[in-house]
C-alpha atoms as a PDB file:
ATOM      1  CA  MET A   1      -8.814  44.924 -94.619  1.00  0.00           C
ATOM      2  CA  LYS A   2      -8.613  42.888 -97.925  1.00  0.00           C
ATOM      3  CA  VAL A   3      -9.630  44.954-101.216  1.00  0.00           C
ATOM      4  CA  TYR A   4     -10.253  43.685-104.714  1.00  0.00           C
ATOM      5  CA  VAL A   5     -10.162  46.046-107.379  1.00  0.00           C
ATOM      6  CA  ASN A   6     -11.825  45.068-110.513  1.00  0.00           C
ATOM      7  CA  ARG A   7      -9.275  46.608-112.834  1.00  0.00           C
ATOM      8  CA  PHE A   8      -5.385  45.836-113.449  1.00  0.00           C
ATOM      9  CA  PRO A   9      -2.603  48.241-114.090  1.00  0.00           C
ATOM     10  CA  LYS A  10      -1.677  48.744-117.939  1.00  0.00           C
ATOM     11  CA  PHE A  11       1.212  50.852-118.888  1.00  0.00           C
ATOM     12  CA  GLY A  12       1.611  53.440-121.792  1.00  0.00           C
ATOM     13  CA  ALA A  13      -0.713  56.433-122.811  1.00  0.00           C
ATOM     14  CA  TRP A  14      -4.028  56.001-120.885  1.00  0.00           C
ATOM     15  CA  GLY A  15      -6.658  58.121-119.484  1.00  0.00           C
ATOM     16  CA  GLY A  16      -7.477  58.882-115.772  1.00  0.00           C
ATOM     17  CA  GLY A  17      -9.186  55.691-115.116  1.00  0.00           C
ATOM     18  CA  MET A  18      -5.977  53.852-115.654  1.00  0.00           C
ATOM     19  CA  HIS A  19      -3.819  56.459-113.875  1.00  0.00           C
ATOM     20  CA  ALA A  20      -6.319  55.658-110.796  1.00  0.00           C
ATOM     21  CA  THR A  21      -6.036  51.939-111.151  1.00  0.00           C
ATOM     22  CA  ARG A  22      -2.163  51.935-111.062  1.00  0.00           C
ATOM     23  CA  ALA A  23      -2.566  54.018-108.058  1.00  0.00           C
ATOM     24  CA  PHE A  24      -4.969  51.690-106.395  1.00  0.00           C
ATOM     25  CA  HIS A  25      -2.770  48.769-106.863  1.00  0.00           C
ATOM     26  CA  LYS A  26       0.502  50.985-105.990  1.00  0.00           C
ATOM     27  CA  PHE A  27      -0.744  53.089-102.570  1.00  0.00           C
ATOM     28  CA  LEU A  28      -3.670  51.012-101.105  1.00  0.00           C
ATOM     29  CA  PRO A  29      -1.225  48.383 -99.386  1.00  0.00           C
ATOM     30  CA  ASN A  30       0.320  51.635 -97.673  1.00  0.00           C
ATOM     31  CA  PHE A  31      -3.189  51.957 -95.557  1.00  0.00           C
ATOM     32  CA  ASP A  32      -3.886  48.472 -94.146  1.00  0.00           C
ATOM     33  CA  CYS A  33      -5.403  47.163 -97.260  1.00  0.00           C
ATOM     34  CA  GLU A  34      -4.530  43.982 -98.372  1.00  0.00           C
ATOM     35  CA  LEU A  35      -4.991  43.623-102.514  1.00  0.00           C
ATOM     36  CA  VAL A  36      -6.693  40.318-103.478  1.00  0.00           C
ATOM     37  CA  ALA A  37      -4.893  39.037-106.435  1.00  0.00           C
ATOM     38  CA  ALA A  38      -6.171  39.254-109.848  1.00  0.00           C
ATOM     39  CA  GLY A  39      -8.352  36.459-110.547  1.00  0.00           C
ATOM     40  CA  SER A  40      -8.696  35.204-107.257  1.00  0.00           C
ATOM     41  CA  MET A  41     -11.534  35.472-104.462  1.00  0.00           C
ATOM     42  CA  GLU A  42      -9.612  33.093-102.016  1.00  0.00           C
ATOM     43  CA  GLY A  43     -10.722  34.109 -98.768  1.00  0.00           C
ATOM     44  CA  SER A  44     -12.981  36.717-100.157  1.00  0.00           C
ATOM     45  CA  PRO A  45     -12.437  40.630 -99.752  1.00  0.00           C
ATOM     46  CA  ASP A  46     -13.961  42.837 -97.193  1.00  0.00           C
ATOM     47  CA  VAL A  47     -14.514  45.596-100.198  1.00  0.00           C
ATOM     48  CA  ILE A  48     -14.656  45.164-103.912  1.00  0.00           C
ATOM     49  CA  LEU A  49     -14.040  48.544-105.417  1.00  0.00           C
ATOM     50  CA  LEU A  50     -15.803  48.620-108.777  1.00  0.00           C
ATOM     51  CA  ALA A  51     -13.191  50.907-110.894  1.00  0.00           C
ATOM     52  CA  GLY A  52     -15.034  50.230-113.961  1.00  0.00           C
ATOM     53  CA  LEU A  53     -18.559  48.469-114.789  1.00  0.00           C
ATOM     54  CA  GLU A  54     -17.529  45.841-117.236  1.00  0.00           C
ATOM     55  CA  ASN A  55     -15.259  42.751-117.242  1.00  0.00           C
ATOM     56  CA  ASP A  56     -11.997  43.913-118.853  1.00  0.00           C
ATOM     57  CA  GLY A  57     -10.742  39.956-119.390  1.00  0.00           C
ATOM     58  CA  GLU A  58      -9.003  40.211-115.937  1.00  0.00           C
ATOM     59  CA  GLY A  59     -11.386  41.584-113.406  1.00  0.00           C
ATOM     60  CA  ILE A  60     -14.931  40.903-112.599  1.00  0.00           C
ATOM     61  CA  SER A  61     -17.743  42.998-113.709  1.00  0.00           C
ATOM     62  CA  ALA A  62     -20.278  45.337-111.493  1.00  0.00           C
ATOM     63  CA  GLU A  63     -22.804  42.427-112.515  1.00  0.00           C
ATOM     64  CA  GLN A  64     -20.580  39.499-111.258  1.00  0.00           C
ATOM     65  CA  ALA A  65     -19.622  41.962-108.041  1.00  0.00           C
ATOM     66  CA  VAL A  66     -23.160  42.363-107.018  1.00  0.00           C
ATOM     67  CA  MET A  67     -24.193  38.407-107.245  1.00  0.00           C
ATOM     68  CA  TYR A  68     -21.104  37.539-105.454  1.00  0.00           C
ATOM     69  CA  LYS A  69     -21.963  39.835-102.543  1.00  0.00           C
ATOM     70  CA  MET A  70     -25.812  38.398-102.759  1.00  0.00           C
ATOM     71  CA  MET A  71     -24.161  34.801-102.403  1.00  0.00           C
ATOM     72  CA  LEU A  72     -22.242  35.738 -99.319  1.00  0.00           C
ATOM     73  CA  SER A  73     -25.091  37.388 -97.639  1.00  0.00           C
ATOM     74  CA  VAL A  74     -27.473  34.600 -98.190  1.00  0.00           C
ATOM     75  CA  SER A  75     -25.194  31.578 -97.280  1.00  0.00           C
ATOM     76  CA  GLY A  76     -23.947  33.800 -93.800  1.00  0.00           C
ATOM     77  CA  GLU A  77     -20.652  33.574 -94.941  1.00  0.00           C
ATOM     78  CA  LYS A  78     -19.595  37.428 -94.998  1.00  0.00           C
ATOM     79  CA  GLU A  79     -20.832  40.953 -95.693  1.00  0.00           C
ATOM     80  CA  ILE A  80     -19.137  42.514 -97.854  1.00  0.00           C
ATOM     81  CA  LYS A  81     -18.850  46.200 -99.116  1.00  0.00           C
ATOM     82  CA  LEU A  82     -19.101  47.381-102.707  1.00  0.00           C
ATOM     83  CA  VAL A  83     -17.727  50.387-103.871  1.00  0.00           C
ATOM     84  CA  LEU A  84     -18.078  52.280-107.298  1.00  0.00           C
ATOM     85  CA  ARG A  85     -15.735  54.982-108.517  1.00  0.00           C
ATOM     86  CA  VAL A  86     -17.953  57.042-111.111  1.00  0.00           C
ATOM     87  CA  ASN A  87     -15.869  58.494-113.754  1.00  0.00           C
ATOM     88  CA  GLU A  88     -17.951  58.146-116.652  1.00  0.00           C
ATOM     89  CA  ASN A  89     -21.296  59.396-118.086  1.00  0.00           C
ATOM     90  CA  ASP A  90     -23.309  59.626-121.585  1.00  0.00           C
ATOM     91  CA  ALA A  91     -22.732  63.373-122.217  1.00  0.00           C
ATOM     92  CA  ARG A  92     -18.911  63.112-122.451  1.00  0.00           C
ATOM     93  CA  LYS A  93     -19.163  60.697-125.386  1.00  0.00           C
ATOM     94  CA  ALA A  94     -22.699  61.154-127.077  1.00  0.00           C
ATOM     95  CA  THR A  95     -23.647  57.642-125.846  1.00  0.00           C
ATOM     96  CA  ASN A  96     -27.239  56.799-124.879  1.00  0.00           C
ATOM     97  CA  TYR A  97     -26.627  53.921-122.206  1.00  0.00           C
ATOM     98  CA  VAL A  98     -23.783  54.666-119.599  1.00  0.00           C
ATOM     99  CA  ASP A  99     -25.873  56.772-117.337  1.00  0.00           C
ATOM    100  CA  ASN A 100     -28.678  54.024-116.706  1.00  0.00           C
ATOM    101  CA  LEU A 101     -25.945  51.343-116.024  1.00  0.00           C
ATOM    102  CA  TRP A 102     -24.398  53.507-113.431  1.00  0.00           C
ATOM    103  CA  CYS A 103     -27.761  54.313-111.723  1.00  0.00           C
ATOM    104  CA  LYS A 104     -28.742  50.486-111.956  1.00  0.00           C
ATOM    105  CA  PHE A 105     -25.940  49.532-110.008  1.00  0.00           C
ATOM    106  CA  SER A 106     -26.231  52.571-107.267  1.00  0.00           C
ATOM    107  CA  ALA A 107     -28.912  50.303-105.888  1.00  0.00           C
ATOM    108  CA  HIS A 108     -26.475  47.590-104.990  1.00  0.00           C
ATOM    109  CA  VAL A 109     -23.474  49.468-103.762  1.00  0.00           C
ATOM    110  CA  ASP A 110     -22.358  50.131-100.124  1.00  0.00           C
ATOM    111  CA  GLY A 111     -20.907  53.474-101.281  1.00  0.00           C
ATOM    112  CA  ALA A 112     -19.623  55.638-104.443  1.00  0.00           C
ATOM    113  CA  VAL A 113     -16.932  57.743-105.278  1.00  0.00           C
ATOM    114  CA  PHE A 114     -17.197  60.774-107.707  1.00  0.00           C
ATOM    115  CA  VAL A 115     -14.218  62.165-109.369  1.00  0.00           C
ATOM    116  CA  SER A 116     -15.732  65.791-109.510  1.00  0.00           C
ATOM    117  CA  HIS A 117     -18.749  67.285-107.848  1.00  0.00           C
ATOM    118  CA  TRP A 118     -20.104  68.194-111.003  1.00  0.00           C
ATOM    119  CA  LEU A 119     -20.198  64.593-111.695  1.00  0.00           C
ATOM    120  CA  LYS A 120     -21.971  63.629-108.464  1.00  0.00           C
ATOM    121  CA  ASP A 121     -24.462  66.287-109.071  1.00  0.00           C
ATOM    122  CA  TYR A 122     -25.190  64.958-112.795  1.00  0.00           C
ATOM    123  CA  PHE A 123     -26.256  61.366-111.457  1.00  0.00           C
ATOM    124  CA  GLU A 124     -27.740  62.782-108.217  1.00  0.00           C
ATOM    125  CA  ALA A 125     -30.343  64.311-110.684  1.00  0.00           C
ATOM    126  CA  LYS A 126     -30.740  61.292-112.600  1.00  0.00           C
ATOM    127  CA  GLY A 127     -32.123  59.246-109.913  1.00  0.00           C
ATOM    128  CA  TRP A 128     -29.069  58.059-107.760  1.00  0.00           C
ATOM    129  CA  ASP A 129     -30.186  55.343-105.170  1.00  0.00           C
ATOM    130  CA  CYS A 130     -26.892  55.172-103.245  1.00  0.00           C
ATOM    131  CA  LYS A 131     -26.948  57.607-100.527  1.00  0.00           C
ATOM    132  CA  ASN A 132     -23.593  57.181 -98.929  1.00  0.00           C
ATOM    133  CA  ASN A 133     -21.538  59.472-101.806  1.00  0.00           C
ATOM    134  CA  THR A 134     -18.344  61.374-101.704  1.00  0.00           C
ATOM    135  CA  VAL A 135     -15.929  63.284-104.175  1.00  0.00           C
ATOM    136  CA  ILE A 136     -12.169  62.352-104.493  1.00  0.00           C
ATOM    137  CA  TYR A 137     -10.108  64.195-107.141  1.00  0.00           C
ATOM    138  CA  ASN A 138      -7.692  62.388-109.072  1.00  0.00           C
ATOM    139  CA  GLY A 139      -4.185  62.801-108.068  1.00  0.00           C
ATOM    140  CA  VAL A 140      -1.364  63.742-109.793  1.00  0.00           C
ATOM    141  CA  ASN A 141       2.401  62.617-109.814  1.00  0.00           C
ATOM    142  CA  SER A 142       4.221  65.871-108.766  1.00  0.00           C
ATOM    143  CA  GLU A 143       7.551  64.496-109.361  1.00  0.00           C
ATOM    144  CA  ILE A 144       6.600  64.351-113.308  1.00  0.00           C
ATOM    145  CA  PHE A 145       3.762  66.674-113.732  1.00  0.00           C
ATOM    146  CA  LYS A 146       5.517  70.111-112.467  1.00  0.00           C
ATOM    147  CA  PRO A 147       6.636  73.458-113.931  1.00  0.00           C
ATOM    148  CA  GLY A 148       9.434  72.655-116.644  1.00  0.00           C
ATOM    149  CA  GLU A 149      11.566  74.632-119.078  1.00  0.00           C
ATOM    150  CA  LYS A 150       9.881  76.656-121.500  1.00  0.00           C
ATOM    151  CA  LEU A 151      10.540  76.836-125.099  1.00  0.00           C
ATOM    152  CA  ASN A 152      11.139  80.703-125.001  1.00  0.00           C
ATOM    153  CA  ASN A 153      10.826  81.166-128.451  1.00  0.00           C
ATOM    154  CA  GLY A 154       9.277  84.497-128.499  1.00  0.00           C
ATOM    155  CA  LYS A 155       5.659  83.535-129.144  1.00  0.00           C
ATOM    156  CA  ILE A 156       2.967  82.325-126.749  1.00  0.00           C
ATOM    157  CA  ASN A 157       2.929  78.342-127.107  1.00  0.00           C
ATOM    158  CA  ILE A 158      -0.639  76.969-126.552  1.00  0.00           C
ATOM    159  CA  VAL A 159      -0.761  73.226-125.600  1.00  0.00           C
ATOM    160  CA  SER A 160      -3.591  70.803-125.531  1.00  0.00           C
ATOM    161  CA  SER A 161      -3.858  67.013-124.799  1.00  0.00           C
ATOM    162  CA  HIS A 162      -6.535  64.173-125.130  1.00  0.00           C
ATOM    163  CA  TRP A 163      -5.912  60.632-125.057  1.00  0.00           C
ATOM    164  CA  SER A 164      -9.105  59.603-126.387  1.00  0.00           C
ATOM    165  CA  ASP A 165      -9.905  61.209-130.442  1.00  0.00           C
ATOM    166  CA  ASN A 166     -13.990  61.591-129.463  1.00  0.00           C
ATOM    167  CA  ALA A 167     -15.159  64.285-130.966  1.00  0.00           C
ATOM    168  CA  MET A 168     -16.500  65.646-127.556  1.00  0.00           C
ATOM    169  CA  LYS A 169     -12.756  65.909-126.241  1.00  0.00           C
ATOM    170  CA  GLY A 170     -13.158  69.382-127.804  1.00  0.00           C
ATOM    171  CA  GLN A 171     -12.489  68.270-131.502  1.00  0.00           C
ATOM    172  CA  ASP A 172     -14.019  71.911-132.470  1.00  0.00           C
ATOM    173  CA  ILE A 173     -12.022  73.682-130.308  1.00  0.00           C
ATOM    174  CA  THR A 174      -8.886  72.084-131.547  1.00  0.00           C
ATOM    175  CA  GLU A 175      -9.742  73.015-135.018  1.00  0.00           C
ATOM    176  CA  TRP A 176     -10.520  76.443-133.935  1.00  0.00           C
ATOM    177  CA  VAL A 177      -7.183  77.026-132.169  1.00  0.00           C
ATOM    178  CA  ASP A 178      -5.146  75.743-134.943  1.00  0.00           C
ATOM    179  CA  ASP A 179      -6.749  78.235-137.652  1.00  0.00           C
ATOM    180  CA  PHE A 180      -6.334  80.902-135.103  1.00  0.00           C
ATOM    181  CA  VAL A 181      -2.390  80.271-134.702  1.00  0.00           C
ATOM    182  CA  GLY A 182      -2.412  80.009-138.388  1.00  0.00           C
ATOM    183  CA  LYS A 183      -3.750  83.329-138.697  1.00  0.00           C
ATOM    184  CA  ASN A 184      -1.211  84.817-136.049  1.00  0.00           C
ATOM    185  CA  PRO A 185       1.843  83.008-136.961  1.00  0.00           C
ATOM    186  CA  ASP A 186       3.976  85.462-135.294  1.00  0.00           C
ATOM    187  CA  ASP A 187       2.262  85.316-132.177  1.00  0.00           C
ATOM    188  CA  PHE A 188       1.546  82.009-131.408  1.00  0.00           C
ATOM    189  CA  THR A 189       2.079  78.367-131.831  1.00  0.00           C
ATOM    190  CA  PHE A 190      -0.211  75.325-131.044  1.00  0.00           C
ATOM    191  CA  THR A 191       0.770  71.631-130.120  1.00  0.00           C
ATOM    192  CA  PHE A 192      -1.760  68.787-129.755  1.00  0.00           C
ATOM    193  CA  ILE A 193      -0.391  65.879-127.514  1.00  0.00           C
ATOM    194  CA  GLY A 194      -2.508  62.433-128.298  1.00  0.00           C
ATOM    195  CA  ARG A 195      -5.195  61.177-130.318  1.00  0.00           C
ATOM    196  CA  THR A 196      -7.826  63.333-132.074  1.00  0.00           C
ATOM    197  CA  LYS A 197      -9.391  63.543-135.527  1.00  0.00           C
ATOM    198  CA  ALA A 198      -9.184  67.037-135.995  1.00  0.00           C
ATOM    199  CA  LYS A 199      -7.299  68.086-138.942  1.00  0.00           C
ATOM    200  CA  LEU A 200      -4.618  70.150-138.224  1.00  0.00           C
ATOM    201  CA  LYS A 201      -3.062  72.630-140.540  1.00  0.00           C
ATOM    202  CA  ASN A 202      -0.908  75.120-138.888  1.00  0.00           C
ATOM    203  CA  GLY A 203      -0.062  73.225-135.476  1.00  0.00           C
ATOM    204  CA  THR A 204       2.276  69.983-134.726  1.00  0.00           C
ATOM    205  CA  LEU A 205       0.557  66.797-133.605  1.00  0.00           C
ATOM    206  CA  ILE A 206       2.422  64.744-130.862  1.00  0.00           C
ATOM    207  CA  HIS A 207       1.551  61.041-130.537  1.00  0.00           C
ATOM    208  CA  PRO A 208       0.116  59.971-127.319  1.00  0.00           C
ATOM    209  CA  LEU A 209       2.814  60.409-124.636  1.00  0.00           C
ATOM    210  CA  ALA A 210       3.061  59.089-120.768  1.00  0.00           C
ATOM    211  CA  GLY A 211       4.659  59.568-118.011  1.00  0.00           C
ATOM    212  CA  LYS A 212       7.981  61.592-117.600  1.00  0.00           C
ATOM    213  CA  ALA A 213       7.883  62.100-121.370  1.00  0.00           C
ATOM    214  CA  LEU A 214       4.294  63.613-121.012  1.00  0.00           C
ATOM    215  CA  GLY A 215       4.978  65.803-118.092  1.00  0.00           C
ATOM    216  CA  ALA A 216       8.307  67.108-119.804  1.00  0.00           C
ATOM    217  CA  GLU A 217       6.652  67.798-122.784  1.00  0.00           C
ATOM    218  CA  ILE A 218       3.403  69.639-121.293  1.00  0.00           C
ATOM    219  CA  GLY A 219       5.698  72.112-119.404  1.00  0.00           C
ATOM    220  CA  LYS A 220       7.425  73.431-122.483  1.00  0.00           C
ATOM    221  CA  TYR A 221       4.461  75.280-123.033  1.00  0.00           C
ATOM    222  CA  ASP A 222       2.938  78.584-122.006  1.00  0.00           C
ATOM    223  CA  VAL A 223      -1.099  78.094-121.958  1.00  0.00           C
ATOM    224  CA  CYS A 224      -3.197  74.963-122.099  1.00  0.00           C
ATOM    225  CA  ILE A 225      -6.797  75.357-124.053  1.00  0.00           C
ATOM    226  CA  ASN A 226      -8.931  72.306-123.260  1.00  0.00           C
ATOM    227  CA  GLY A 227     -12.220  71.708-125.283  1.00  0.00           C
ATOM    228  CA  SER A 228     -13.387  68.724-123.650  1.00  0.00           C
ATOM    229  CA  ARG A 229     -17.240  68.795-122.791  1.00  0.00           C
ATOM    230  CA  PHE A 230     -19.221  67.116-119.698  1.00  0.00           C
ATOM    231  CA  ASP A 231     -15.883  65.411-118.788  1.00  0.00           C
ATOM    232  CA  PRO A 232     -15.976  64.119-115.398  1.00  0.00           C
ATOM    233  CA  GLY A 233     -12.651  64.801-114.247  1.00  0.00           C
ATOM    234  CA  PRO A 234     -10.162  65.227-116.567  1.00  0.00           C
ATOM    235  CA  ASN A 235      -6.645  64.337-116.293  1.00  0.00           C
ATOM    236  CA  SER A 236      -5.748  66.290-119.269  1.00  0.00           C
ATOM    237  CA  VAL A 237      -6.680  69.503-117.155  1.00  0.00           C
ATOM    238  CA  ILE A 238      -5.100  68.222-114.098  1.00  0.00           C
ATOM    239  CA  GLU A 239      -1.806  67.724-115.599  1.00  0.00           C
ATOM    240  CA  PRO A 240      -1.067  71.200-117.192  1.00  0.00           C
ATOM    241  CA  ILE A 241      -2.589  73.107-114.085  1.00  0.00           C
ATOM    242  CA  SER A 242      -0.044  70.865-112.039  1.00  0.00           C
ATOM    243  CA  CYS A 243       2.989  71.868-114.749  1.00  0.00           C
ATOM    244  CA  GLY A 244       2.165  75.376-113.977  1.00  0.00           C
ATOM    245  CA  LEU A 245       0.224  76.423-116.972  1.00  0.00           C
ATOM    246  CA  PRO A 246      -2.532  78.635-117.421  1.00  0.00           C
ATOM    247  CA  THR A 247      -5.473  76.353-117.820  1.00  0.00           C
ATOM    248  CA  TYR A 248      -8.683  77.132-119.692  1.00  0.00           C
ATOM    249  CA  VAL A 249     -11.924  75.140-120.479  1.00  0.00           C
ATOM    250  CA  HIS A 250     -14.827  75.289-122.179  1.00  0.00           C
ATOM    251  CA  SER A 251     -17.900  76.110-119.835  1.00  0.00           C
ATOM    252  CA  ASP A 252     -19.784  73.125-120.584  1.00  0.00           C
ATOM    253  CA  GLY A 253     -16.508  70.887-119.760  1.00  0.00           C
ATOM    254  CA  GLY A 254     -17.813  69.323-116.627  1.00  0.00           C
ATOM    255  CA  GLY A 255     -15.502  68.633-113.499  1.00  0.00           C
ATOM    256  CA  GLY A 256     -12.829  70.551-115.640  1.00  0.00           C
ATOM    257  CA  VAL A 257     -14.894  73.813-114.794  1.00  0.00           C
ATOM    258  CA  GLU A 258     -14.401  73.241-111.110  1.00  0.00           C
ATOM    259  CA  PHE A 259     -10.715  72.067-111.454  1.00  0.00           C
ATOM    260  CA  VAL A 260      -9.896  75.517-113.432  1.00  0.00           C
ATOM    261  CA  GLY A 261     -11.845  77.784-111.714  1.00  0.00           C
ATOM    262  CA  ARG A 262     -14.384  80.379-113.288  1.00  0.00           C
ATOM    263  CA  ASP A 263     -11.982  82.783-114.194  1.00  0.00           C
ATOM    264  CA  HIS A 264     -10.622  80.249-116.528  1.00  0.00           C
ATOM    265  CA  VAL A 265     -13.699  79.427-118.471  1.00  0.00           C
ATOM    266  CA  PHE A 266     -14.874  80.395-121.923  1.00  0.00           C
ATOM    267  CA  SER A 267     -18.162  80.010-123.272  1.00  0.00           C
ATOM    268  CA  SER A 268     -17.842  80.992-126.967  1.00  0.00           C
ATOM    269  CA  ILE A 269     -15.216  80.971-129.550  1.00  0.00           C
ATOM    270  CA  ASP A 270     -15.556  84.934-129.349  1.00  0.00           C
ATOM    271  CA  GLU A 271     -14.833  84.364-125.681  1.00  0.00           C
ATOM    272  CA  LEU A 272     -11.697  82.299-126.344  1.00  0.00           C
ATOM    273  CA  SER A 273     -10.670  84.981-129.270  1.00  0.00           C
ATOM    274  CA  GLN A 274     -10.861  87.526-127.170  1.00  0.00           C
ATOM    275  CA  LEU A 275      -8.605  85.690-124.423  1.00  0.00           C
ATOM    276  CA  LEU A 276      -6.157  84.733-126.840  1.00  0.00           C
ATOM    277  CA  THR A 277      -5.689  88.093-128.340  1.00  0.00           C
ATOM    278  CA  ASN A 278      -5.541  90.012-125.103  1.00  0.00           C
ATOM    279  CA  LYS A 279      -2.558  87.549-124.228  1.00  0.00           C
ATOM    280  CA  LYS A 280      -3.352  87.935-120.409  1.00  0.00           C
ATOM    281  CA  PHE A 281      -3.188  84.713-118.997  1.00  0.00           C
ATOM    282  CA  THR A 282      -3.336  83.979-115.147  1.00  0.00           C
ATOM    283  CA  GLN A 283      -2.465  80.888-113.119  1.00  0.00           C
ATOM    284  CA  ASN A 284      -4.940  78.880-111.565  1.00  0.00           C
ATOM    285  CA  THR A 285      -5.368  78.535-108.063  1.00  0.00           C
ATOM    286  CA  THR A 286      -6.404  74.842-107.852  1.00  0.00           C
ATOM    287  CA  SER A 287      -3.827  72.335-106.279  1.00  0.00           C
ATOM    288  CA  PHE A 288      -4.161  68.936-107.027  1.00  0.00           C
ATOM    289  CA  ALA A 289      -3.171  66.137-104.308  1.00  0.00           C
ATOM    290  CA  LYS A 290      -0.296  63.287-105.126  1.00  0.00           C
ATOM    291  CA  TRP A 291      -1.718  60.019-106.085  1.00  0.00           C
ATOM    292  CA  GLU A 292      -0.856  58.372-102.704  1.00  0.00           C
ATOM    293  CA  ASP A 293      -2.637  60.806-100.944  1.00  0.00           C
ATOM    294  CA  ALA A 294      -5.594  60.464-102.980  1.00  0.00           C
ATOM    295  CA  VAL A 295      -5.677  56.750-102.410  1.00  0.00           C
ATOM    296  CA  LYS A 296      -5.653  57.078 -98.665  1.00  0.00           C
ATOM    297  CA  GLN A 297      -8.924  59.059 -99.117  1.00  0.00           C
ATOM    298  CA  TYR A 298     -10.144  55.699-100.687  1.00  0.00           C
ATOM    299  CA  ALA A 299      -8.756  53.835 -97.883  1.00  0.00           C
ATOM    300  CA  ASP A 300     -10.595  56.038 -95.608  1.00  0.00           C
ATOM    301  CA  PHE A 301     -13.744  56.055 -97.247  1.00  0.00           C
ATOM    302  CA  PHE A 302     -13.819  52.011 -97.325  1.00  0.00           C
ATOM    303  CA  LYS A 303     -12.987  51.562 -93.446  1.00  0.00           C
ATOM    304  CA  ASN A 304     -15.886  54.298 -92.686  1.00  0.00           C
ATOM    305  CA  ILE A 305     -18.900  52.421 -94.855  1.00  0.00           C
ATOM    306  CA  PRO A 306     -21.522  51.742 -92.157  1.00  0.00           C
END
């Protein structure tokens, strides 16, 4: 089976979509999926995996893919399959055009993979047309994101990380935690890894990290507080859980809520304050597949499209 992925690997501090893209290019060939080269449709693929809707300067856009599929079908040359990987929505960034685009293309694809059950429910409530849908969580590199040596400074060390500085990534919670730590300096520290527009007065900001550096840093802390809203399938939740950190998310955290479990959700500042003041943190019970195993689920999905 020949597979064309319309995104190509970039390295550095990127979000979950780029982690997935790297994994597709690395592991799909392990599962009888021959990757079609960037910028080439020679021999035409059997499957086009749309890891994004737009042309990012290298791969084709969803619109171009639909036209290509129609052209081959009309000519009788070949029937190819289009698959959407859905990891975006309007709610997560307070925009007003993303949902309509995804729903529009759902009428032209042969399958869709959602990164969380929450996101699947979100779109199906908006008139999603594709009926061949599944959920595959993002994977994790367990050699990088694993329990590490703690700071052991006699305090509870809180961490949060995001690669995007959009305010919906929990900026209000970040600022509140920073203030809380400032009022309780003998008991807590706070470190934010990545990008944020929050003004930290008491915590430490570490600029975006990636790979081994990120895993080693997250593993030092004792608990993760994630304030994102409506996040489709946040790696910023998967990674600390995989590092063994009790991880808590906002009740409007989207896919993050199903990742952490209901016992690790706060719905208000009062609840978060009580959680931290009580200092009784419990481990999450969720575990995540290695990226290679997650990619195998995609390959199996491709092979079973009618």
